[in-house]
Amino acid sequence: MEIFSMLLFLIFSLIILGILVYVSPLLSAFIMILLPVVLVYILPDEAMGFFSIMQFSFSGIQIFNLHILLLVWSAFIGIISYAEVLSWYLLRGSEPPPVKEGAPPVIKEGAPPVIKEGAPPVIKEAAPPVINEGAPPVINEGAPPVIKEAAPPVIKEAAPVVGDKPKTLMFKLNDFSQKLYKILKGEKIKLRP
């Protein structure tokens, strides 16, 4: 059994597993398939020589490095597909239902109303009184005061928190490389809750 081959497959598996966990399952699948294929096109003789190295023989069945690569591929493809299906299943009910046009806005219970910025204040002025010059002024003290209701409040989406960063592919790659660098230096990393 060649130790170099096993070490190379271990490093390859750890890279794929790290990208799978910290970056993206789809990116790890892409790199997992693309890396050996690119090596075969760039260095065809060396790659074919590496894949044709026999690791061991069991009851007359010879196991080559190519078989080990296929075993690693099938294991990681199963893990990746399971992760994707599970994340789809867990996230499928979390999206809010679509809002129909013309429907009144939904106000969450306990949330303070948010008034649209730049909207003029709603103040209704009373009509000027009609004065009959010959009659004494009459004040209706028993009548309730007239109060006009303001327009319903407009709900505005919450702005993202300052600490939140977009979870783009470049951000995830940068975050992964920074954590890997800190681990290799021997520093402690802060894990997300």
N, C-alpha and C. Protein backbone atom coordinates (compact mmCIF):
# COMPACT_ATOMS: atom_id res chain seq x y z
N MET A 1 0.85 -1.18 0.00
CA MET A 1 0.00 0.00 0.00
C MET A 1 0.89 1.24 0.00
N GLU A 2 0.68 2.11 -0.94
CA GLU A 2 1.54 3.28 -1.07
C GLU A 2 1.03 4.40 -0.16
N ILE A 3 1.90 4.87 0.71
CA ILE A 3 1.50 5.87 1.70
C ILE A 3 1.25 7.23 1.05
N PHE A 4 1.98 7.55 -0.03
CA PHE A 4 1.78 8.83 -0.71
C PHE A 4 0.37 8.94 -1.27
N SER A 5 -0.13 7.87 -1.84
CA SER A 5 -1.48 7.88 -2.41
C SER A 5 -2.53 8.09 -1.33
N MET A 6 -2.35 7.37 -0.21
CA MET A 6 -3.32 7.51 0.87
C MET A 6 -3.29 8.92 1.46
N LEU A 7 -2.10 9.49 1.58
CA LEU A 7 -1.97 10.85 2.09
C LEU A 7 -2.61 11.85 1.14
N LEU A 8 -2.43 11.64 -0.16
CA LEU A 8 -3.04 12.53 -1.16
C LEU A 8 -4.56 12.44 -1.11
N PHE A 9 -5.10 11.24 -0.98
CA PHE A 9 -6.55 11.09 -0.89
C PHE A 9 -7.09 11.68 0.42
N LEU A 10 -6.32 11.59 1.50
CA LEU A 10 -6.75 12.18 2.77
C LEU A 10 -6.80 13.70 2.67
N ILE A 11 -5.78 14.30 2.07
CA ILE A 11 -5.77 15.76 1.90
C ILE A 11 -6.91 16.19 0.98
N PHE A 12 -7.12 15.46 -0.11
CA PHE A 12 -8.21 15.75 -1.04
C PHE A 12 -9.56 15.67 -0.32
N SER A 13 -9.75 14.65 0.51
CA SER A 13 -11.01 14.49 1.24
C SER A 13 -11.20 15.60 2.27
N LEU A 14 -10.13 15.99 2.96
CA LEU A 14 -10.25 17.07 3.95
C LEU A 14 -10.57 18.40 3.29
N ILE A 15 -10.00 18.68 2.14
CA ILE A 15 -10.32 19.93 1.42
C ILE A 15 -11.78 19.93 1.00
N ILE A 16 -12.24 18.84 0.44
CA ILE A 16 -13.65 18.74 0.01
C ILE A 16 -14.59 18.86 1.21
N LEU A 17 -14.25 18.21 2.31
CA LEU A 17 -15.08 18.27 3.50
C LEU A 17 -15.11 19.68 4.09
N GLY A 18 -13.97 20.36 4.10
CA GLY A 18 -13.93 21.75 4.60
C GLY A 18 -14.77 22.68 3.75
N ILE A 19 -14.69 22.55 2.44
CA ILE A 19 -15.51 23.39 1.56
C ILE A 19 -16.98 23.03 1.72
N LEU A 20 -17.27 21.76 1.89
CA LEU A 20 -18.65 21.31 2.09
C LEU A 20 -19.26 21.93 3.34
N VAL A 21 -18.52 21.97 4.43
CA VAL A 21 -19.04 22.46 5.70
C VAL A 21 -19.04 23.98 5.77
N TYR A 22 -17.95 24.61 5.37
CA TYR A 22 -17.79 26.04 5.60
C TYR A 22 -18.21 26.93 4.43
N VAL A 23 -18.25 26.41 3.22
CA VAL A 23 -18.56 27.27 2.07
C VAL A 23 -19.89 26.87 1.44
N SER A 24 -19.88 25.80 0.65
CA SER A 24 -21.09 25.41 -0.06
C SER A 24 -20.99 23.96 -0.49
N PRO A 25 -22.07 23.21 -0.34
CA PRO A 25 -22.05 21.83 -0.82
C PRO A 25 -21.90 21.73 -2.34
N LEU A 26 -22.53 22.64 -3.05
CA LEU A 26 -22.44 22.59 -4.51
C LEU A 26 -21.04 22.92 -5.00
N LEU A 27 -20.39 23.88 -4.35
CA LEU A 27 -19.02 24.22 -4.73
C LEU A 27 -18.09 23.04 -4.43
N SER A 28 -18.31 22.36 -3.32
CA SER A 28 -17.46 21.21 -3.00
C SER A 28 -17.65 20.09 -4.03
N ALA A 29 -18.87 19.88 -4.50
CA ALA A 29 -19.11 18.86 -5.53
C ALA A 29 -18.42 19.26 -6.83
N PHE A 30 -18.50 20.54 -7.16
CA PHE A 30 -17.87 21.03 -8.39
C PHE A 30 -16.35 20.84 -8.32
N ILE A 31 -15.74 21.21 -7.22
CA ILE A 31 -14.29 21.07 -7.07
C ILE A 31 -13.90 19.60 -7.00
N MET A 32 -14.72 18.79 -6.35
CA MET A 32 -14.43 17.37 -6.20
C MET A 32 -14.35 16.68 -7.57
N ILE A 33 -15.23 17.03 -8.47
CA ILE A 33 -15.23 16.42 -9.80
C ILE A 33 -14.20 17.09 -10.71
N LEU A 34 -14.10 18.42 -10.60
CA LEU A 34 -13.27 19.17 -11.54
C LEU A 34 -11.77 18.94 -11.31
N LEU A 35 -11.33 18.84 -10.08
CA LEU A 35 -9.90 18.74 -9.79
C LEU A 35 -9.24 17.51 -10.45
N PRO A 36 -9.76 16.29 -10.28
CA PRO A 36 -9.13 15.15 -10.95
C PRO A 36 -9.23 15.22 -12.48
N VAL A 37 -10.35 15.74 -12.98
CA VAL A 37 -10.52 15.84 -14.44
C VAL A 37 -9.51 16.82 -15.02
N VAL A 38 -9.29 17.95 -14.36
CA VAL A 38 -8.30 18.93 -14.84
C VAL A 38 -6.90 18.34 -14.78
N LEU A 39 -6.61 17.60 -13.72
CA LEU A 39 -5.28 16.97 -13.63
C LEU A 39 -5.06 15.96 -14.75
N VAL A 40 -6.08 15.25 -15.15
CA VAL A 40 -5.95 14.29 -16.26
C VAL A 40 -5.68 15.04 -17.57
N TYR A 41 -6.30 16.21 -17.77
CA TYR A 41 -6.06 16.97 -18.99
C TYR A 41 -4.72 17.70 -18.98
N ILE A 42 -4.29 18.18 -17.82
CA ILE A 42 -3.03 18.92 -17.75
C ILE A 42 -1.82 17.95 -17.78
N LEU A 43 -1.85 16.93 -16.94
CA LEU A 43 -0.76 15.96 -16.84
C LEU A 43 -1.31 14.56 -17.12
N PRO A 44 -1.58 14.22 -18.37
CA PRO A 44 -2.25 12.94 -18.64
C PRO A 44 -1.41 11.71 -18.27
N ASP A 45 -0.11 11.72 -18.55
CA ASP A 45 0.70 10.54 -18.26
C ASP A 45 0.87 10.32 -16.75
N GLU A 46 1.15 11.41 -16.01
CA GLU A 46 1.33 11.29 -14.57
C GLU A 46 0.03 10.91 -13.87
N ALA A 47 -1.08 11.50 -14.33
CA ALA A 47 -2.38 11.19 -13.72
C ALA A 47 -2.78 9.74 -13.98
N MET A 48 -2.56 9.26 -15.20
CA MET A 48 -2.89 7.86 -15.50
C MET A 48 -1.98 6.90 -14.73
N GLY A 49 -0.72 7.31 -14.57
CA GLY A 49 0.20 6.49 -13.77
C GLY A 49 -0.24 6.44 -12.31
N PHE A 50 -0.71 7.58 -11.78
CA PHE A 50 -1.16 7.62 -10.39
C PHE A 50 -2.43 6.79 -10.19
N PHE A 51 -3.40 6.93 -11.11
CA PHE A 51 -4.65 6.20 -10.95
C PHE A 51 -4.49 4.69 -11.19
N SER A 52 -3.41 4.28 -11.87
CA SER A 52 -3.22 2.85 -12.14
C SER A 52 -2.33 2.16 -11.10
N ILE A 53 -1.94 2.87 -10.04
CA ILE A 53 -1.16 2.24 -8.97
C ILE A 53 -2.07 1.31 -8.18
N MET A 54 -1.63 0.05 -8.05
CA MET A 54 -2.43 -0.92 -7.30
C MET A 54 -2.13 -0.76 -5.81
N GLN A 55 -3.17 -0.58 -5.02
CA GLN A 55 -3.01 -0.41 -3.58
C GLN A 55 -2.94 -1.75 -2.87
N PHE A 56 -3.87 -2.65 -3.19
CA PHE A 56 -3.84 -3.97 -2.57
C PHE A 56 -4.69 -4.91 -3.41
N SER A 57 -4.57 -6.17 -3.11
CA SER A 57 -5.34 -7.20 -3.80
C SER A 57 -6.04 -8.05 -2.74
N PHE A 58 -7.32 -8.30 -2.95
CA PHE A 58 -8.09 -9.07 -2.00
C PHE A 58 -8.79 -10.20 -2.75
N SER A 59 -8.42 -11.42 -2.48
CA SER A 59 -8.98 -12.61 -3.13
C SER A 59 -8.90 -12.52 -4.64
N GLY A 60 -7.79 -12.02 -5.14
CA GLY A 60 -7.61 -11.92 -6.58
C GLY A 60 -8.21 -10.67 -7.19
N ILE A 61 -8.89 -9.82 -6.41
CA ILE A 61 -9.47 -8.57 -6.92
C ILE A 61 -8.47 -7.45 -6.62
N GLN A 62 -8.05 -6.77 -7.65
CA GLN A 62 -7.07 -5.72 -7.49
C GLN A 62 -7.77 -4.37 -7.30
N ILE A 63 -7.32 -3.61 -6.30
CA ILE A 63 -7.87 -2.30 -6.01
C ILE A 63 -6.83 -1.25 -6.39
N PHE A 64 -7.20 -0.39 -7.33
CA PHE A 64 -6.31 0.66 -7.80
C PHE A 64 -6.73 2.01 -7.19
N ASN A 65 -5.89 3.02 -7.40
CA ASN A 65 -6.21 4.36 -6.92
C ASN A 65 -7.49 4.90 -7.56
N LEU A 66 -7.76 4.50 -8.78
CA LEU A 66 -9.00 4.93 -9.44
C LEU A 66 -10.22 4.44 -8.68
N HIS A 67 -10.16 3.23 -8.16
CA HIS A 67 -11.28 2.70 -7.39
C HIS A 67 -11.46 3.48 -6.09
N ILE A 68 -10.35 3.87 -5.48
CA ILE A 68 -10.44 4.65 -4.24
C ILE A 68 -11.02 6.03 -4.54
N LEU A 69 -10.63 6.64 -5.67
CA LEU A 69 -11.20 7.93 -6.06
C LEU A 69 -12.71 7.82 -6.28
N LEU A 70 -13.14 6.75 -6.93
CA LEU A 70 -14.58 6.56 -7.14
C LEU A 70 -15.31 6.35 -5.82
N LEU A 71 -14.68 5.67 -4.87
CA LEU A 71 -15.27 5.47 -3.55
C LEU A 71 -15.43 6.82 -2.83
N VAL A 72 -14.40 7.65 -2.89
CA VAL A 72 -14.45 8.97 -2.26
C VAL A 72 -15.54 9.82 -2.93
N TRP A 73 -15.60 9.78 -4.26
CA TRP A 73 -16.63 10.55 -4.98
C TRP A 73 -18.03 10.11 -4.56
N SER A 74 -18.28 8.81 -4.54
CA SER A 74 -19.63 8.34 -4.21
C SER A 74 -20.02 8.70 -2.78
N ALA A 75 -19.06 8.61 -1.87
CA ALA A 75 -19.37 8.97 -0.47
C ALA A 75 -19.72 10.45 -0.36
N PHE A 76 -18.92 11.31 -0.98
CA PHE A 76 -19.19 12.75 -0.86
C PHE A 76 -20.42 13.18 -1.65
N ILE A 77 -20.69 12.54 -2.77
CA ILE A 77 -21.91 12.88 -3.51
C ILE A 77 -23.14 12.52 -2.68
N GLY A 78 -23.09 11.40 -1.96
CA GLY A 78 -24.19 11.05 -1.06
C GLY A 78 -24.36 12.07 0.05
N ILE A 79 -23.26 12.52 0.65
CA ILE A 79 -23.33 13.51 1.73
C ILE A 79 -23.86 14.84 1.19
N ILE A 80 -23.39 15.25 0.02
CA ILE A 80 -23.81 16.53 -0.57
C ILE A 80 -25.29 16.49 -0.92
N SER A 81 -25.74 15.42 -1.55
CA SER A 81 -27.16 15.35 -1.91
C SER A 81 -28.04 15.30 -0.66
N TYR A 82 -27.60 14.61 0.38
CA TYR A 82 -28.36 14.58 1.63
C TYR A 82 -28.43 15.98 2.24
N ALA A 83 -27.32 16.71 2.25
CA ALA A 83 -27.31 18.06 2.81
C ALA A 83 -28.23 18.99 2.03
N GLU A 84 -28.23 18.89 0.71
CA GLU A 84 -29.07 19.76 -0.10
C GLU A 84 -30.56 19.44 0.10
N VAL A 85 -30.91 18.17 0.11
CA VAL A 85 -32.31 17.80 0.30
C VAL A 85 -32.79 18.18 1.69
N LEU A 86 -31.96 17.98 2.69
CA LEU A 86 -32.33 18.33 4.06
C LEU A 86 -32.50 19.84 4.22
N SER A 87 -31.59 20.62 3.65
CA SER A 87 -31.72 22.08 3.76
C SER A 87 -32.94 22.57 2.99
N TRP A 88 -33.24 21.96 1.84
CA TRP A 88 -34.45 22.36 1.10
C TRP A 88 -35.69 22.04 1.94
N TYR A 89 -35.71 20.87 2.56
CA TYR A 89 -36.88 20.47 3.34
C TYR A 89 -37.08 21.38 4.54
N LEU A 90 -36.00 21.74 5.21
CA LEU A 90 -36.12 22.59 6.40
C LEU A 90 -36.47 24.03 6.05
N LEU A 91 -36.09 24.51 4.89
CA LEU A 91 -36.33 25.90 4.52
C LEU A 91 -37.58 26.10 3.66
N ARG A 92 -38.24 25.06 3.27
CA ARG A 92 -39.36 25.24 2.33
C ARG A 92 -40.56 25.94 2.94
N GLY A 93 -40.79 25.85 4.25
CA GLY A 93 -41.95 26.48 4.86
C GLY A 93 -41.64 27.81 5.51
N SER A 94 -40.39 28.28 5.44
CA SER A 94 -40.03 29.50 6.14
C SER A 94 -40.29 30.77 5.33
N GLU A 95 -40.59 30.65 4.05
CA GLU A 95 -40.84 31.84 3.24
C GLU A 95 -42.27 32.32 3.49
N PRO A 96 -42.44 33.66 3.62
CA PRO A 96 -43.79 34.17 3.84
C PRO A 96 -44.63 34.02 2.57
N PRO A 97 -45.95 33.88 2.73
CA PRO A 97 -46.80 33.74 1.55
C PRO A 97 -46.79 35.05 0.76
N PRO A 98 -46.99 34.96 -0.56
CA PRO A 98 -46.98 36.19 -1.37
C PRO A 98 -48.17 37.08 -1.02
N VAL A 99 -47.94 38.39 -1.07
CA VAL A 99 -48.98 39.37 -0.75
C VAL A 99 -49.69 39.76 -2.03
N LYS A 100 -51.03 39.70 -2.01
CA LYS A 100 -51.81 40.08 -3.18
C LYS A 100 -51.87 41.59 -3.28
N GLU A 101 -51.95 42.08 -4.53
CA GLU A 101 -52.03 43.52 -4.73
C GLU A 101 -53.37 44.03 -4.21
N GLY A 102 -53.34 45.17 -3.56
CA GLY A 102 -54.54 45.78 -3.04
C GLY A 102 -54.94 45.27 -1.67
N ALA A 103 -54.24 44.26 -1.17
CA ALA A 103 -54.56 43.72 0.15
C ALA A 103 -54.01 44.66 1.22
N PRO A 104 -54.71 44.78 2.34
CA PRO A 104 -54.18 45.65 3.40
C PRO A 104 -52.90 45.07 3.97
N PRO A 105 -51.99 45.93 4.42
CA PRO A 105 -50.74 45.42 4.97
C PRO A 105 -50.97 44.65 6.26
N VAL A 106 -50.16 43.64 6.45
CA VAL A 106 -50.28 42.80 7.64
C VAL A 106 -49.41 43.41 8.73
N ILE A 107 -50.03 43.70 9.87
CA ILE A 107 -49.30 44.29 10.98
C ILE A 107 -49.04 43.18 11.99
N LYS A 108 -47.76 42.99 12.31
CA LYS A 108 -47.41 41.95 13.27
C LYS A 108 -47.85 42.37 14.66
N GLU A 109 -48.30 41.39 15.42
CA GLU A 109 -48.80 41.65 16.76
C GLU A 109 -47.66 42.09 17.67
N GLY A 110 -47.85 43.19 18.37
CA GLY A 110 -46.85 43.69 19.30
C GLY A 110 -45.82 44.60 18.66
N ALA A 111 -45.82 44.70 17.32
CA ALA A 111 -44.84 45.56 16.65
C ALA A 111 -45.39 46.98 16.58
N PRO A 112 -44.55 47.97 16.86
CA PRO A 112 -45.02 49.35 16.77
C PRO A 112 -45.25 49.73 15.31
N PRO A 113 -46.24 50.56 15.03
CA PRO A 113 -46.48 50.95 13.64
C PRO A 113 -45.34 51.81 13.13
N VAL A 114 -45.03 51.62 11.87
CA VAL A 114 -43.96 52.39 11.24
C VAL A 114 -44.60 53.32 10.24
N ILE A 115 -44.32 54.59 10.39
CA ILE A 115 -44.89 55.60 9.50
C ILE A 115 -43.89 55.90 8.41
N LYS A 116 -44.37 55.98 7.19
CA LYS A 116 -43.52 56.19 6.04
C LYS A 116 -42.79 57.52 6.19
N GLU A 117 -41.48 57.47 5.93
CA GLU A 117 -40.66 58.68 6.06
C GLU A 117 -41.03 59.67 4.97
N GLY A 118 -41.04 60.93 5.31
CA GLY A 118 -41.31 61.99 4.34
C GLY A 118 -42.79 62.24 4.12
N ALA A 119 -43.65 61.45 4.77
CA ALA A 119 -45.09 61.65 4.60
C ALA A 119 -45.53 62.86 5.44
N PRO A 120 -46.39 63.72 4.88
CA PRO A 120 -46.84 64.88 5.65
C PRO A 120 -47.75 64.42 6.79
N PRO A 121 -47.75 65.15 7.91
CA PRO A 121 -48.62 64.77 9.02
C PRO A 121 -50.09 64.92 8.63
N VAL A 122 -50.91 64.04 9.15
CA VAL A 122 -52.33 64.06 8.84
C VAL A 122 -53.04 64.90 9.90
N ILE A 123 -53.37 66.12 9.54
CA ILE A 123 -54.09 67.03 10.46
C ILE A 123 -55.27 67.60 9.67
N LYS A 124 -56.44 67.36 10.19
CA LYS A 124 -57.66 67.89 9.55
C LYS A 124 -58.07 69.15 10.30
N GLU A 125 -58.23 70.22 9.56
CA GLU A 125 -58.68 71.48 10.17
C GLU A 125 -60.19 71.57 10.06
N ALA A 126 -60.76 72.16 11.07
CA ALA A 126 -62.22 72.33 11.07
C ALA A 126 -62.60 73.42 10.07
N ALA A 127 -63.78 73.28 9.53
CA ALA A 127 -64.26 74.29 8.59
C ALA A 127 -64.52 75.59 9.35
N PRO A 128 -64.31 76.72 8.70
CA PRO A 128 -64.57 77.98 9.40
C PRO A 128 -66.05 78.09 9.79
N PRO A 129 -66.31 78.61 10.99
CA PRO A 129 -67.71 78.69 11.45
C PRO A 129 -68.49 79.72 10.63
N VAL A 130 -69.80 79.43 10.49
CA VAL A 130 -70.70 80.36 9.81
C VAL A 130 -71.28 81.27 10.89
N ILE A 131 -71.04 82.53 10.74
CA ILE A 131 -71.46 83.47 11.77
C ILE A 131 -72.69 84.24 11.27
N ASN A 132 -73.72 84.17 12.07
CA ASN A 132 -74.92 84.97 11.80
C ASN A 132 -74.79 86.21 12.66
N GLU A 133 -74.63 87.32 12.01
CA GLU A 133 -74.32 88.54 12.74
C GLU A 133 -75.41 88.95 13.72
N GLY A 134 -76.58 88.60 13.43
CA GLY A 134 -77.66 89.04 14.29
C GLY A 134 -77.93 88.10 15.45
N ALA A 135 -77.47 86.87 15.42
CA ALA A 135 -77.78 85.90 16.46
C ALA A 135 -76.67 85.85 17.49
N PRO A 136 -77.03 85.57 18.73
CA PRO A 136 -75.98 85.43 19.74
C PRO A 136 -75.20 84.13 19.49
N PRO A 137 -73.93 84.09 19.85
CA PRO A 137 -73.15 82.88 19.61
C PRO A 137 -73.66 81.72 20.45
N VAL A 138 -73.71 80.51 19.84
CA VAL A 138 -74.19 79.31 20.53
C VAL A 138 -73.05 78.28 20.50
N ILE A 139 -72.74 77.79 21.68
CA ILE A 139 -71.71 76.76 21.78
C ILE A 139 -72.39 75.49 22.25
N ASN A 140 -72.26 74.47 21.48
CA ASN A 140 -72.84 73.17 21.82
C ASN A 140 -71.85 72.42 22.69
N GLU A 141 -72.04 72.53 24.00
CA GLU A 141 -71.09 71.92 24.92
C GLU A 141 -71.29 70.42 25.07
N GLY A 142 -72.42 69.88 24.78
CA GLY A 142 -72.69 68.45 24.96
C GLY A 142 -72.24 67.60 23.78
N ALA A 143 -71.89 68.21 22.68
CA ALA A 143 -71.51 67.44 21.49
C ALA A 143 -70.08 66.90 21.65
N PRO A 144 -69.85 65.67 21.21
CA PRO A 144 -68.49 65.11 21.30
C PRO A 144 -67.58 65.80 20.26
N PRO A 145 -66.32 65.90 20.57
CA PRO A 145 -65.41 66.53 19.60
C PRO A 145 -65.25 65.64 18.37
N VAL A 146 -65.04 66.25 17.24
CA VAL A 146 -64.88 65.53 15.98
C VAL A 146 -63.39 65.20 15.82
N ILE A 147 -63.08 63.89 15.73
CA ILE A 147 -61.70 63.44 15.57
C ILE A 147 -61.61 62.66 14.27
N LYS A 148 -60.73 63.10 13.41
CA LYS A 148 -60.51 62.40 12.15
C LYS A 148 -59.41 61.36 12.37
N GLU A 149 -59.60 60.14 11.81
CA GLU A 149 -58.60 59.08 11.97
C GLU A 149 -57.49 59.26 10.93
N ALA A 150 -56.30 58.94 11.35
CA ALA A 150 -55.15 59.01 10.45
C ALA A 150 -55.17 57.79 9.53
N ALA A 151 -54.42 57.89 8.44
CA ALA A 151 -54.31 56.77 7.50
C ALA A 151 -53.60 55.61 8.20
N PRO A 152 -53.88 54.36 7.77
CA PRO A 152 -53.21 53.23 8.42
C PRO A 152 -51.70 53.33 8.22
N PRO A 153 -50.93 52.87 9.21
CA PRO A 153 -49.47 53.00 9.11
C PRO A 153 -48.91 52.09 8.01
N VAL A 154 -47.83 52.52 7.41
CA VAL A 154 -47.16 51.75 6.38
C VAL A 154 -46.04 50.97 7.05
N ILE A 155 -45.99 49.67 6.79
CA ILE A 155 -44.99 48.83 7.41
C ILE A 155 -43.75 48.81 6.53
N LYS A 156 -42.63 49.07 7.13
CA LYS A 156 -41.37 49.08 6.40
C LYS A 156 -40.56 47.88 6.87
N GLU A 157 -39.87 47.22 5.93
CA GLU A 157 -39.05 46.07 6.26
C GLU A 157 -37.90 46.49 7.17
N ALA A 158 -37.52 45.61 8.04
CA ALA A 158 -36.43 45.91 8.96
C ALA A 158 -35.11 45.94 8.21
N ALA A 159 -34.30 46.92 8.51
CA ALA A 159 -32.98 47.03 7.90
C ALA A 159 -32.06 45.99 8.51
N PRO A 160 -31.11 45.46 7.72
CA PRO A 160 -30.22 44.46 8.30
C PRO A 160 -29.34 45.07 9.38
N VAL A 161 -28.98 44.24 10.34
CA VAL A 161 -28.13 44.68 11.44
C VAL A 161 -26.74 44.98 10.88
N VAL A 162 -26.05 45.91 11.50
CA VAL A 162 -24.74 46.34 11.01
C VAL A 162 -23.77 45.17 10.94
N GLY A 163 -23.83 44.23 11.88
CA GLY A 163 -22.91 43.11 11.93
C GLY A 163 -23.17 42.05 10.87
N ASP A 164 -24.37 42.03 10.28
CA ASP A 164 -24.68 41.04 9.26
C ASP A 164 -23.92 41.36 7.98
N LYS A 165 -23.35 40.33 7.38
CA LYS A 165 -22.67 40.50 6.11
C LYS A 165 -23.36 39.59 5.11
N PRO A 166 -23.36 39.96 3.84
CA PRO A 166 -24.00 39.10 2.85
C PRO A 166 -23.27 37.77 2.74
N LYS A 167 -24.02 36.72 2.60
CA LYS A 167 -23.44 35.38 2.54
C LYS A 167 -23.18 34.99 1.09
N THR A 168 -22.32 35.74 0.43
CA THR A 168 -21.98 35.44 -0.95
C THR A 168 -20.89 34.37 -0.97
N LEU A 169 -20.62 33.86 -2.15
CA LEU A 169 -19.61 32.82 -2.30
C LEU A 169 -18.23 33.36 -1.93
N MET A 170 -17.92 34.57 -2.35
CA MET A 170 -16.62 35.16 -2.03
C MET A 170 -16.48 35.38 -0.53
N PHE A 171 -17.56 35.81 0.13
CA PHE A 171 -17.50 36.00 1.58
C PHE A 171 -17.24 34.67 2.28
N LYS A 172 -17.92 33.61 1.84
CA LYS A 172 -17.74 32.31 2.48
C LYS A 172 -16.33 31.77 2.25
N LEU A 173 -15.78 31.96 1.03
CA LEU A 173 -14.42 31.51 0.76
C LEU A 173 -13.41 32.28 1.61
N ASN A 174 -13.61 33.59 1.72
CA ASN A 174 -12.72 34.41 2.52
C ASN A 174 -12.80 34.01 4.00
N ASP A 175 -14.01 33.80 4.49
CA ASP A 175 -14.20 33.39 5.88
C ASP A 175 -13.54 32.04 6.14
N PHE A 176 -13.70 31.11 5.21
CA PHE A 176 -13.10 29.79 5.35
C PHE A 176 -11.59 29.88 5.37
N SER A 177 -11.01 30.66 4.47
CA SER A 177 -9.54 30.77 4.42
C SER A 177 -9.00 31.46 5.68
N GLN A 178 -9.72 32.44 6.21
CA GLN A 178 -9.27 33.10 7.43
C GLN A 178 -9.31 32.13 8.62
N LYS A 179 -10.36 31.33 8.72
CA LYS A 179 -10.46 30.36 9.81
C LYS A 179 -9.37 29.28 9.68
N LEU A 180 -9.13 28.84 8.45
CA LEU A 180 -8.09 27.83 8.22
C LEU A 180 -6.72 28.38 8.59
N TYR A 181 -6.46 29.64 8.25
CA TYR A 181 -5.20 30.29 8.59
C TYR A 181 -5.02 30.38 10.10
N LYS A 182 -6.09 30.76 10.80
CA LYS A 182 -6.00 30.86 12.26
C LYS A 182 -5.78 29.50 12.91
N ILE A 183 -6.42 28.46 12.37
CA ILE A 183 -6.24 27.12 12.91
C ILE A 183 -4.81 26.66 12.71
N LEU A 184 -4.25 26.91 11.51
CA LEU A 184 -2.88 26.50 11.24
C LEU A 184 -1.87 27.27 12.09
N LYS A 185 -2.20 28.52 12.45
CA LYS A 185 -1.31 29.30 13.32
C LYS A 185 -1.43 28.86 14.77
N GLY A 186 -2.47 28.14 15.11
CA GLY A 186 -2.66 27.68 16.47
C GLY A 186 -3.56 28.59 17.29
N GLU A 187 -4.21 29.55 16.65
CA GLU A 187 -5.10 30.45 17.36
C GLU A 187 -6.47 29.80 17.52
N LYS A 188 -7.21 30.29 18.49
CA LYS A 188 -8.58 29.82 18.68
C LYS A 188 -9.49 30.61 17.75
N ILE A 189 -10.48 29.93 17.20
CA ILE A 189 -11.44 30.61 16.33
C ILE A 189 -12.76 30.70 17.05
N LYS A 190 -13.52 31.72 16.68
CA LYS A 190 -14.84 31.93 17.28
C LYS A 190 -15.86 31.25 16.38
N LEU A 191 -16.56 30.28 16.94
CA LEU A 191 -17.57 29.56 16.18
C LEU A 191 -18.90 30.28 16.27
N ARG A 192 -19.67 30.16 15.20
CA ARG A 192 -21.00 30.76 15.18
C ARG A 192 -21.95 29.93 16.02
N PRO A 193 -22.95 30.59 16.66
CA PRO A 193 -23.90 29.82 17.48
C PRO A 193 -24.81 28.95 16.65
